Structure formats: structure tokens, C-alpha cells
Amino acid sequence: MNRQVRFDVPVEVVFDYLVDPNRRPEWQSSLRKVESVEGQPRVGQRWVDVTVPGLRPRMETTFLDRPRTWTEVGTWRGVHAVLTLDFTEEGDGCQVRPTFRVTGRGAMRPLAYAVDRVAVFGVLPDLRKAARLLAARSH
């Protein structure tokens, strides 16, 4: 399975779009909205994801090297999720490779394990949607 997504717009455009929490509900299927976004994308930026099932993980950008790599950490009731997006320039566009890891403590450990095994299957379609949205805006 191909675990990266091709974007047909410049890497800087893709990076700025994907790392902005305010834009995430446009392309991330699990989100209804985001709340309490603190400023512009940067290390230490925090916000709250309001998910479709109603969960409200606290999110934080923990690494940002524009336009190469970005990492967020989300926490909710003993579940800890880390998403890293790696960006590789390729011609007029780029490739984005997600890495997603979910861990849990105590009673949440089995749930976290299950989510960790299937999470990439949710992340990749969301990134494909973002690629389509950005391609449509650029034409």
C-alpha cells in the first residue's frame, strides 16, 4: 500500500494548508470543528479538536520545520496520538507521508492499540481529499 499522497501544488502551499488547525475541518473527515486555536502554526500552538463522535482531544504542535516536517500530539483520557507529516518536494508538487502512532494507558490501552492498527487508513483518504481541494483551488 502506498503510504504517501501526491499533491500537485507547491510544497509550501501544501505545508501551510495542512498544518493550520483552522483549515483542518475542510479536509479531515473526523472533525466537526476546532476550538481555542492559539495563534499561528508554530511549535507550542495548541487547540482542541471537536470530533464527529464528540471526543475533544487537546492538540499541540510539537515540531515544525517548514516545509519539511510537522508533528502534532493529541491527548484524550489516557490516549496519546502523534501524527507526523513529512513533505518531499517533487517537481511542481510534493509528496506527503504521514506517520501515526497511538498509545494508551490503563483501560485505554486496548482501544489505543486497535486505533493504532487502522489509523493510517483514515489519514490517507483525508490527505487525498486535501490534495483534491488544493488542486481545485489552484486551477
N, C-alpha and C. Protein backbone atom coordinates (compact mmCIF):
# COMPACT_ATOMS: atom_id res chain seq x y z
N MET A 1 0.84 -1.18 0.00
CA MET A 1 0.00 0.00 0.00
C MET A 1 0.89 1.24 0.00
N ASN A 2 0.57 2.20 -0.87
CA ASN A 2 1.30 3.46 -0.93
C ASN A 2 0.92 4.31 0.28
N ARG A 3 1.88 4.63 1.10
CA ARG A 3 1.60 5.39 2.32
C ARG A 3 2.03 6.83 2.19
N GLN A 4 1.94 7.37 0.99
CA GLN A 4 2.15 8.80 0.79
C GLN A 4 1.14 9.30 -0.22
N VAL A 5 0.94 10.61 -0.22
CA VAL A 5 -0.08 11.22 -1.08
C VAL A 5 0.58 12.31 -1.91
N ARG A 6 0.30 12.29 -3.20
CA ARG A 6 0.82 13.27 -4.15
C ARG A 6 -0.07 14.51 -4.14
N PHE A 7 0.55 15.68 -4.05
CA PHE A 7 -0.13 16.97 -4.18
C PHE A 7 0.45 17.67 -5.39
N ASP A 8 -0.41 18.24 -6.23
CA ASP A 8 0.03 18.89 -7.46
C ASP A 8 0.11 20.39 -7.31
N VAL A 9 0.47 20.85 -6.14
CA VAL A 9 0.72 22.27 -5.86
C VAL A 9 2.03 22.36 -5.09
N PRO A 10 2.65 23.55 -5.04
CA PRO A 10 3.96 23.67 -4.38
C PRO A 10 3.94 23.24 -2.92
N VAL A 11 5.05 22.69 -2.49
CA VAL A 11 5.17 22.12 -1.15
C VAL A 11 4.85 23.16 -0.07
N GLU A 12 5.24 24.41 -0.26
CA GLU A 12 4.96 25.43 0.75
C GLU A 12 3.46 25.65 0.93
N VAL A 13 2.73 25.61 -0.18
CA VAL A 13 1.27 25.77 -0.14
C VAL A 13 0.64 24.60 0.62
N VAL A 14 1.09 23.40 0.31
CA VAL A 14 0.57 22.20 0.96
C VAL A 14 0.88 22.24 2.45
N PHE A 15 2.12 22.54 2.79
CA PHE A 15 2.53 22.58 4.19
C PHE A 15 1.67 23.56 4.98
N ASP A 16 1.56 24.80 4.47
CA ASP A 16 0.81 25.82 5.20
C ASP A 16 -0.66 25.43 5.37
N TYR A 17 -1.23 24.78 4.39
CA TYR A 17 -2.62 24.36 4.46
C TYR A 17 -2.82 23.23 5.48
N LEU A 18 -1.98 22.21 5.41
CA LEU A 18 -2.18 21.04 6.27
C LEU A 18 -1.88 21.31 7.74
N VAL A 19 -0.96 22.20 8.04
CA VAL A 19 -0.59 22.42 9.44
C VAL A 19 -1.45 23.47 10.14
N ASP A 20 -2.33 24.13 9.42
CA ASP A 20 -3.19 25.15 10.01
C ASP A 20 -4.43 24.49 10.61
N PRO A 21 -4.56 24.47 11.94
CA PRO A 21 -5.71 23.81 12.55
C PRO A 21 -7.05 24.37 12.07
N ASN A 22 -7.10 25.65 11.75
CA ASN A 22 -8.35 26.26 11.31
C ASN A 22 -8.84 25.69 9.98
N ARG A 23 -7.94 25.15 9.17
CA ARG A 23 -8.30 24.58 7.86
C ARG A 23 -8.63 23.10 7.95
N ARG A 24 -8.29 22.46 9.04
CA ARG A 24 -8.42 21.01 9.15
C ARG A 24 -9.84 20.47 8.94
N PRO A 25 -10.88 21.13 9.46
CA PRO A 25 -12.23 20.58 9.23
C PRO A 25 -12.62 20.52 7.74
N GLU A 26 -11.94 21.28 6.88
CA GLU A 26 -12.24 21.25 5.45
C GLU A 26 -11.90 19.90 4.84
N TRP A 27 -10.88 19.25 5.38
CA TRP A 27 -10.39 18.02 4.75
C TRP A 27 -10.30 16.83 5.68
N GLN A 28 -10.37 17.04 6.97
CA GLN A 28 -10.24 15.92 7.92
C GLN A 28 -11.62 15.40 8.29
N SER A 29 -11.96 14.21 7.86
CA SER A 29 -13.31 13.67 7.99
C SER A 29 -13.76 13.48 9.43
N SER A 30 -12.85 13.31 10.36
CA SER A 30 -13.23 13.06 11.75
C SER A 30 -13.55 14.33 12.53
N LEU A 31 -13.36 15.50 11.90
CA LEU A 31 -13.55 16.77 12.63
C LEU A 31 -14.84 17.47 12.27
N ARG A 32 -15.53 17.95 13.32
CA ARG A 32 -16.65 18.88 13.13
C ARG A 32 -16.12 20.30 13.06
N LYS A 33 -15.18 20.60 13.99
CA LYS A 33 -14.59 21.93 14.06
C LYS A 33 -13.39 21.87 14.99
N VAL A 34 -12.67 22.99 15.06
CA VAL A 34 -11.60 23.14 16.04
C VAL A 34 -11.94 24.35 16.90
N GLU A 35 -11.48 24.32 18.13
CA GLU A 35 -11.75 25.40 19.07
C GLU A 35 -10.46 25.83 19.76
N SER A 36 -10.49 27.04 20.29
CA SER A 36 -9.41 27.55 21.14
C SER A 36 -8.05 27.49 20.46
N VAL A 37 -8.00 27.83 19.17
CA VAL A 37 -6.73 27.82 18.43
C VAL A 37 -5.89 29.01 18.92
N GLU A 38 -4.68 28.70 19.36
CA GLU A 38 -3.76 29.71 19.88
C GLU A 38 -2.81 30.20 18.79
N GLY A 39 -3.14 31.31 18.15
CA GLY A 39 -2.24 31.95 17.20
C GLY A 39 -2.00 31.18 15.92
N GLN A 40 -0.87 31.50 15.31
CA GLN A 40 -0.48 30.92 14.03
C GLN A 40 0.28 29.61 14.26
N PRO A 41 0.36 28.75 13.21
CA PRO A 41 1.11 27.50 13.34
C PRO A 41 2.55 27.75 13.77
N ARG A 42 2.95 27.07 14.85
CA ARG A 42 4.28 27.16 15.41
C ARG A 42 4.43 26.06 16.45
N VAL A 43 5.63 25.75 16.83
CA VAL A 43 5.83 24.80 17.92
C VAL A 43 5.20 25.39 19.18
N GLY A 44 4.39 24.59 19.85
CA GLY A 44 3.69 25.05 21.04
C GLY A 44 2.28 25.53 20.79
N GLN A 45 1.88 25.67 19.52
CA GLN A 45 0.50 26.06 19.23
C GLN A 45 -0.44 24.98 19.75
N ARG A 46 -1.52 25.42 20.40
CA ARG A 46 -2.49 24.47 20.95
C ARG A 46 -3.88 24.79 20.45
N TRP A 47 -4.72 23.74 20.45
CA TRP A 47 -6.12 23.87 20.07
C TRP A 47 -6.85 22.63 20.54
N VAL A 48 -8.17 22.63 20.38
CA VAL A 48 -9.00 21.48 20.73
C VAL A 48 -9.71 21.02 19.47
N ASP A 49 -9.57 19.74 19.13
CA ASP A 49 -10.33 19.13 18.04
C ASP A 49 -11.70 18.74 18.58
N VAL A 50 -12.75 19.09 17.86
CA VAL A 50 -14.09 18.63 18.19
C VAL A 50 -14.43 17.61 17.12
N THR A 51 -14.43 16.34 17.50
CA THR A 51 -14.57 15.25 16.53
C THR A 51 -16.03 14.91 16.27
N VAL A 52 -16.25 14.19 15.18
CA VAL A 52 -17.60 13.76 14.80
C VAL A 52 -18.24 12.92 15.90
N PRO A 53 -17.49 11.99 16.55
CA PRO A 53 -18.15 11.24 17.63
C PRO A 53 -18.33 12.05 18.91
N GLY A 54 -17.75 13.28 18.95
CA GLY A 54 -17.92 14.12 20.14
C GLY A 54 -16.72 14.15 21.07
N LEU A 55 -15.67 13.41 20.75
CA LEU A 55 -14.45 13.46 21.55
C LEU A 55 -13.79 14.82 21.35
N ARG A 56 -13.05 15.28 22.38
CA ARG A 56 -12.42 16.59 22.32
C ARG A 56 -10.95 16.51 22.76
N PRO A 57 -10.12 15.89 21.94
CA PRO A 57 -8.70 15.81 22.32
C PRO A 57 -8.03 17.18 22.30
N ARG A 58 -7.11 17.35 23.23
CA ARG A 58 -6.28 18.55 23.26
C ARG A 58 -5.09 18.31 22.34
N MET A 59 -4.84 19.26 21.47
CA MET A 59 -3.82 19.10 20.44
C MET A 59 -2.70 20.12 20.65
N GLU A 60 -1.51 19.75 20.20
CA GLU A 60 -0.38 20.67 20.26
C GLU A 60 0.61 20.36 19.14
N THR A 61 1.10 21.40 18.49
CA THR A 61 2.19 21.24 17.52
C THR A 61 3.48 21.10 18.30
N THR A 62 4.20 20.00 18.08
CA THR A 62 5.43 19.74 18.83
C THR A 62 6.68 19.87 17.97
N PHE A 63 6.52 19.87 16.64
CA PHE A 63 7.67 20.04 15.76
C PHE A 63 7.18 20.71 14.48
N LEU A 64 7.94 21.69 13.99
CA LEU A 64 7.58 22.36 12.75
C LEU A 64 8.87 22.82 12.08
N ASP A 65 9.16 22.24 10.93
CA ASP A 65 10.32 22.62 10.11
C ASP A 65 9.79 22.87 8.71
N ARG A 66 9.31 24.10 8.47
CA ARG A 66 8.67 24.45 7.20
C ARG A 66 9.68 24.41 6.07
N PRO A 67 9.38 23.79 4.97
CA PRO A 67 8.22 22.99 4.60
C PRO A 67 8.52 21.50 4.59
N ARG A 68 9.28 21.00 5.56
CA ARG A 68 9.70 19.59 5.52
C ARG A 68 8.93 18.66 6.44
N THR A 69 8.74 19.07 7.69
CA THR A 69 8.15 18.16 8.67
C THR A 69 7.31 18.93 9.67
N TRP A 70 6.22 18.30 10.06
CA TRP A 70 5.34 18.87 11.10
C TRP A 70 4.81 17.71 11.94
N THR A 71 4.74 17.93 13.26
CA THR A 71 4.23 16.90 14.17
C THR A 71 3.25 17.52 15.15
N GLU A 72 2.14 16.81 15.37
CA GLU A 72 1.18 17.20 16.39
C GLU A 72 1.01 16.05 17.36
N VAL A 73 0.63 16.40 18.59
CA VAL A 73 0.32 15.41 19.61
C VAL A 73 -1.08 15.72 20.11
N GLY A 74 -1.89 14.67 20.23
CA GLY A 74 -3.23 14.81 20.79
C GLY A 74 -3.39 13.90 21.99
N THR A 75 -4.07 14.40 23.02
CA THR A 75 -4.31 13.59 24.21
C THR A 75 -5.78 13.66 24.58
N TRP A 76 -6.29 12.49 25.00
CA TRP A 76 -7.68 12.38 25.43
C TRP A 76 -7.80 11.17 26.34
N ARG A 77 -8.13 11.38 27.60
CA ARG A 77 -8.43 10.31 28.56
C ARG A 77 -7.48 9.12 28.50
N GLY A 78 -6.21 9.38 28.61
CA GLY A 78 -5.24 8.28 28.63
C GLY A 78 -4.80 7.79 27.28
N VAL A 79 -5.34 8.38 26.20
CA VAL A 79 -4.91 8.04 24.85
C VAL A 79 -4.01 9.16 24.34
N HIS A 80 -2.91 8.78 23.73
CA HIS A 80 -1.89 9.72 23.25
C HIS A 80 -1.65 9.40 21.77
N ALA A 81 -1.91 10.37 20.88
CA ALA A 81 -1.73 10.14 19.45
C ALA A 81 -0.72 11.14 18.90
N VAL A 82 0.18 10.66 18.07
CA VAL A 82 1.19 11.50 17.45
C VAL A 82 1.07 11.34 15.93
N LEU A 83 0.89 12.46 15.25
CA LEU A 83 0.85 12.47 13.78
C LEU A 83 2.01 13.31 13.28
N THR A 84 2.82 12.72 12.40
CA THR A 84 3.89 13.46 11.74
C THR A 84 3.62 13.43 10.24
N LEU A 85 3.76 14.58 9.62
CA LEU A 85 3.66 14.69 8.17
C LEU A 85 5.03 15.09 7.65
N ASP A 86 5.57 14.27 6.75
CA ASP A 86 6.84 14.58 6.09
C ASP A 86 6.55 14.97 4.65
N PHE A 87 7.12 16.08 4.21
CA PHE A 87 6.87 16.67 2.91
C PHE A 87 8.13 16.56 2.05
N THR A 88 7.98 16.05 0.84
CA THR A 88 9.09 15.93 -0.09
C THR A 88 8.72 16.63 -1.38
N GLU A 89 9.50 17.64 -1.74
CA GLU A 89 9.26 18.37 -2.99
C GLU A 89 9.49 17.43 -4.16
N GLU A 90 8.60 17.51 -5.14
CA GLU A 90 8.69 16.64 -6.30
C GLU A 90 8.16 17.40 -7.51
N GLY A 91 9.06 17.94 -8.32
CA GLY A 91 8.64 18.74 -9.47
C GLY A 91 7.89 19.98 -9.02
N ASP A 92 6.71 20.20 -9.62
CA ASP A 92 5.88 21.35 -9.25
C ASP A 92 5.01 21.06 -8.03
N GLY A 93 5.08 19.85 -7.50
CA GLY A 93 4.24 19.46 -6.38
C GLY A 93 5.07 18.85 -5.27
N CYS A 94 4.44 17.92 -4.55
CA CYS A 94 5.15 17.26 -3.46
C CYS A 94 4.44 15.97 -3.08
N GLN A 95 5.13 15.19 -2.28
CA GLN A 95 4.57 14.00 -1.67
C GLN A 95 4.48 14.26 -0.17
N VAL A 96 3.40 13.80 0.45
CA VAL A 96 3.24 13.90 1.89
C VAL A 96 3.11 12.49 2.44
N ARG A 97 3.98 12.18 3.41
CA ARG A 97 3.97 10.86 4.04
C ARG A 97 3.57 11.03 5.50
N PRO A 98 2.42 10.45 5.88
CA PRO A 98 2.01 10.52 7.29
C PRO A 98 2.56 9.34 8.10
N THR A 99 2.89 9.63 9.33
CA THR A 99 3.23 8.60 10.31
C THR A 99 2.33 8.85 11.50
N PHE A 100 1.61 7.83 11.94
CA PHE A 100 0.62 7.99 13.00
C PHE A 100 0.84 6.91 14.04
N ARG A 101 0.90 7.32 15.29
CA ARG A 101 1.12 6.36 16.39
C ARG A 101 0.17 6.69 17.52
N VAL A 102 -0.55 5.68 18.00
CA VAL A 102 -1.49 5.86 19.10
C VAL A 102 -1.10 4.92 20.22
N THR A 103 -1.01 5.44 21.43
CA THR A 103 -0.72 4.63 22.61
C THR A 103 -1.75 4.97 23.69
N GLY A 104 -1.89 4.07 24.64
CA GLY A 104 -2.85 4.30 25.72
C GLY A 104 -2.35 3.76 27.04
N ARG A 105 -2.93 4.31 28.10
CA ARG A 105 -2.59 3.87 29.45
C ARG A 105 -3.80 3.19 30.07
N GLY A 106 -3.52 2.25 30.95
CA GLY A 106 -4.58 1.61 31.73
C GLY A 106 -5.64 0.98 30.86
N ALA A 107 -6.91 1.26 31.20
CA ALA A 107 -8.05 0.68 30.49
C ALA A 107 -8.12 1.13 29.03
N MET A 108 -7.44 2.22 28.70
CA MET A 108 -7.47 2.75 27.33
C MET A 108 -6.44 2.07 26.42
N ARG A 109 -5.57 1.26 26.99
CA ARG A 109 -4.53 0.62 26.19
C ARG A 109 -5.09 -0.24 25.05
N PRO A 110 -6.09 -1.12 25.28
CA PRO A 110 -6.61 -1.92 24.16
C PRO A 110 -7.25 -1.07 23.05
N LEU A 111 -7.97 -0.03 23.44
CA LEU A 111 -8.57 0.86 22.44
C LEU A 111 -7.48 1.53 21.61
N ALA A 112 -6.46 2.06 22.29
CA ALA A 112 -5.37 2.73 21.59
C ALA A 112 -4.67 1.77 20.62
N TYR A 113 -4.47 0.55 21.05
CA TYR A 113 -3.82 -0.45 20.20
C TYR A 113 -4.64 -0.67 18.93
N ALA A 114 -5.94 -0.82 19.08
CA ALA A 114 -6.82 -1.05 17.92
C ALA A 114 -6.80 0.15 16.97
N VAL A 115 -6.90 1.34 17.53
CA VAL A 115 -6.89 2.56 16.70
C VAL A 115 -5.55 2.69 15.98
N ASP A 116 -4.47 2.38 16.66
CA ASP A 116 -3.14 2.48 16.07
C ASP A 116 -3.02 1.60 14.82
N ARG A 117 -3.64 0.43 14.85
CA ARG A 117 -3.53 -0.51 13.73
C ARG A 117 -4.28 -0.04 12.47
N VAL A 118 -5.31 0.76 12.63
CA VAL A 118 -6.13 1.15 11.48
C VAL A 118 -6.07 2.64 11.15
N ALA A 119 -5.39 3.43 11.96
CA ALA A 119 -5.42 4.89 11.81
C ALA A 119 -4.94 5.36 10.45
N VAL A 120 -3.91 4.73 9.90
CA VAL A 120 -3.38 5.18 8.62
C VAL A 120 -4.45 5.08 7.52
N PHE A 121 -5.39 4.17 7.67
CA PHE A 121 -6.45 4.02 6.67
C PHE A 121 -7.44 5.19 6.71
N GLY A 122 -7.45 5.94 7.79
CA GLY A 122 -8.24 7.16 7.86
C GLY A 122 -7.46 8.39 7.44
N VAL A 123 -6.18 8.41 7.77
CA VAL A 123 -5.33 9.56 7.46
C VAL A 123 -5.12 9.70 5.95
N LEU A 124 -4.84 8.62 5.27
CA LEU A 124 -4.56 8.69 3.83
C LEU A 124 -5.73 9.23 3.01
N PRO A 125 -6.97 8.77 3.21
CA PRO A 125 -8.08 9.36 2.46
C PRO A 125 -8.27 10.85 2.76
N ASP A 126 -8.04 11.25 4.00
CA ASP A 126 -8.14 12.68 4.34
C ASP A 126 -7.10 13.49 3.58
N LEU A 127 -5.88 12.99 3.51
CA LEU A 127 -4.84 13.70 2.75
C LEU A 127 -5.17 13.74 1.26
N ARG A 128 -5.75 12.67 0.74
CA ARG A 128 -6.17 12.69 -0.67
C ARG A 128 -7.23 13.75 -0.91
N LYS A 129 -8.15 13.90 0.04
CA LYS A 129 -9.17 14.94 -0.07
C LYS A 129 -8.51 16.31 -0.06
N ALA A 130 -7.55 16.53 0.82
CA ALA A 130 -6.83 17.81 0.86
C ALA A 130 -6.13 18.08 -0.46
N ALA A 131 -5.54 17.04 -1.06
CA ALA A 131 -4.86 17.19 -2.35
C ALA A 131 -5.85 17.62 -3.43
N ARG A 132 -7.04 17.03 -3.44
CA ARG A 132 -8.07 17.41 -4.42
C ARG A 132 -8.53 18.85 -4.21
N LEU A 133 -8.74 19.23 -2.95
CA LEU A 133 -9.18 20.60 -2.66
C LEU A 133 -8.14 21.63 -3.09
N LEU A 134 -6.89 21.37 -2.80
CA LEU A 134 -5.84 22.32 -3.18
C LEU A 134 -5.65 22.37 -4.70
N ALA A 135 -5.75 21.22 -5.36
CA ALA A 135 -5.63 21.20 -6.82
C ALA A 135 -6.75 22.00 -7.46
N ALA A 136 -7.96 21.87 -6.95
CA ALA A 136 -9.11 22.60 -7.50
C ALA A 136 -8.94 24.11 -7.29
N ARG A 137 -8.38 24.51 -6.17
CA ARG A 137 -8.18 25.94 -5.89
C ARG A 137 -7.10 26.55 -6.76
N SER A 138 -6.14 25.73 -7.17
CA SER A 138 -5.02 26.26 -7.95
C SER A 138 -5.33 26.40 -9.43
N HIS A 139 -6.46 25.80 -9.86
CA HIS A 139 -6.81 25.87 -11.30
C HIS A 139 -7.91 26.85 -11.57
